[in-house]
Amino acid sequence: MKKYLKLAGGQRLEQLGIHHRRRRGEGSEFHQLREYRDGDSLRQLDWKATARMRRLISRDYQDEQDQQVVCLLDCGRRMRARDGDLSHFDHTLAALLLLAEVSLREGDAFGLLTFAGPERWLPPRKTRSALDRLMAAVHDLHPGLQATDYLAAARAALTRLKKRSLLVLVTNLRDEDDETLGPALRLLRRRHRVILASLREPELDQALTAPAAGFEQALRAGAIEAYLEQRRQALTRLDPGGALVLDVPPRALAVALVNRYLAVKRSGDR
């Protein structure tokens, strides 16, 4: 977060891997009138203002700033997996703090609902105190030993959220999740926009890049490739377009989540 704040102040977020390009004239909320610039589309022209001012006047728009971003955080046993010195859960908490900072700066409200473990519910707020509330709520949070129940999490979210929101579901998928996760996502998508973020064990990618020293290593690499292909197919079934699904190593989660949030926000598709 310190690195983000430093780079954000100098408009250098791309050094962190965050792509924050706002294209002129796009957005969904009227912002202001201004003189026409090369590249403005004809539909941006305000003809009444143009006639009154006797020069071309364009409408400027900005992204909506009253959306709700709510994270559904898996606190079950699968999040206890480790990546070096940190658990998948540690990486997830760091990613959520960064996502909260970015969404609050974008004028959106941020909230949190945990499941499959200690229950924490933070209703979405857009004040700067929302980040302090989030840190206070998660500083002592640890993944437990419970199995993940996605349908229970979906029902809990629908009970608490009446306004259409952007939900960010962070978990660690396994083969057996396909049958239970699909119904939960369909239930949530009836009323909300949903980003699914799954943490992928980095050891799998590393094993594929290492040269096979013998027959057993070659068999192992083939088994890993088959597993990853099944995983890709499962994710494709959950979201055929892939626009709202992330499958990334824990260390890449923070930047990937922020980029996907910004892409959804710029698209104007709620």
Foldseek 3Di string as FASTA:
>chain_A
DVVCVVCVVVVNCVVVVADQDFDWQAADAWDDKDADDPPDDPVQWDVVVCVVVVHTIGITHDFDQEAEEEEEEELAPQQQPPDPPGTLVVLVLVLVLLLCVVSLVSNYWYWYFYDQDDTDTGPTDNDPCNSVVSCVRPVPRHRDHGDDQLQVSLVVVVVVDPAAHEYEYEEADDLVCLVRNLVSLVSNVVRYHYAYEHADAVVLVVLLVDDQPDDVSVVVVVVSVVRVVSVVVSVCVSPVVCLRYHYYHSNCSNSVVNNSVSVVRSVSDD
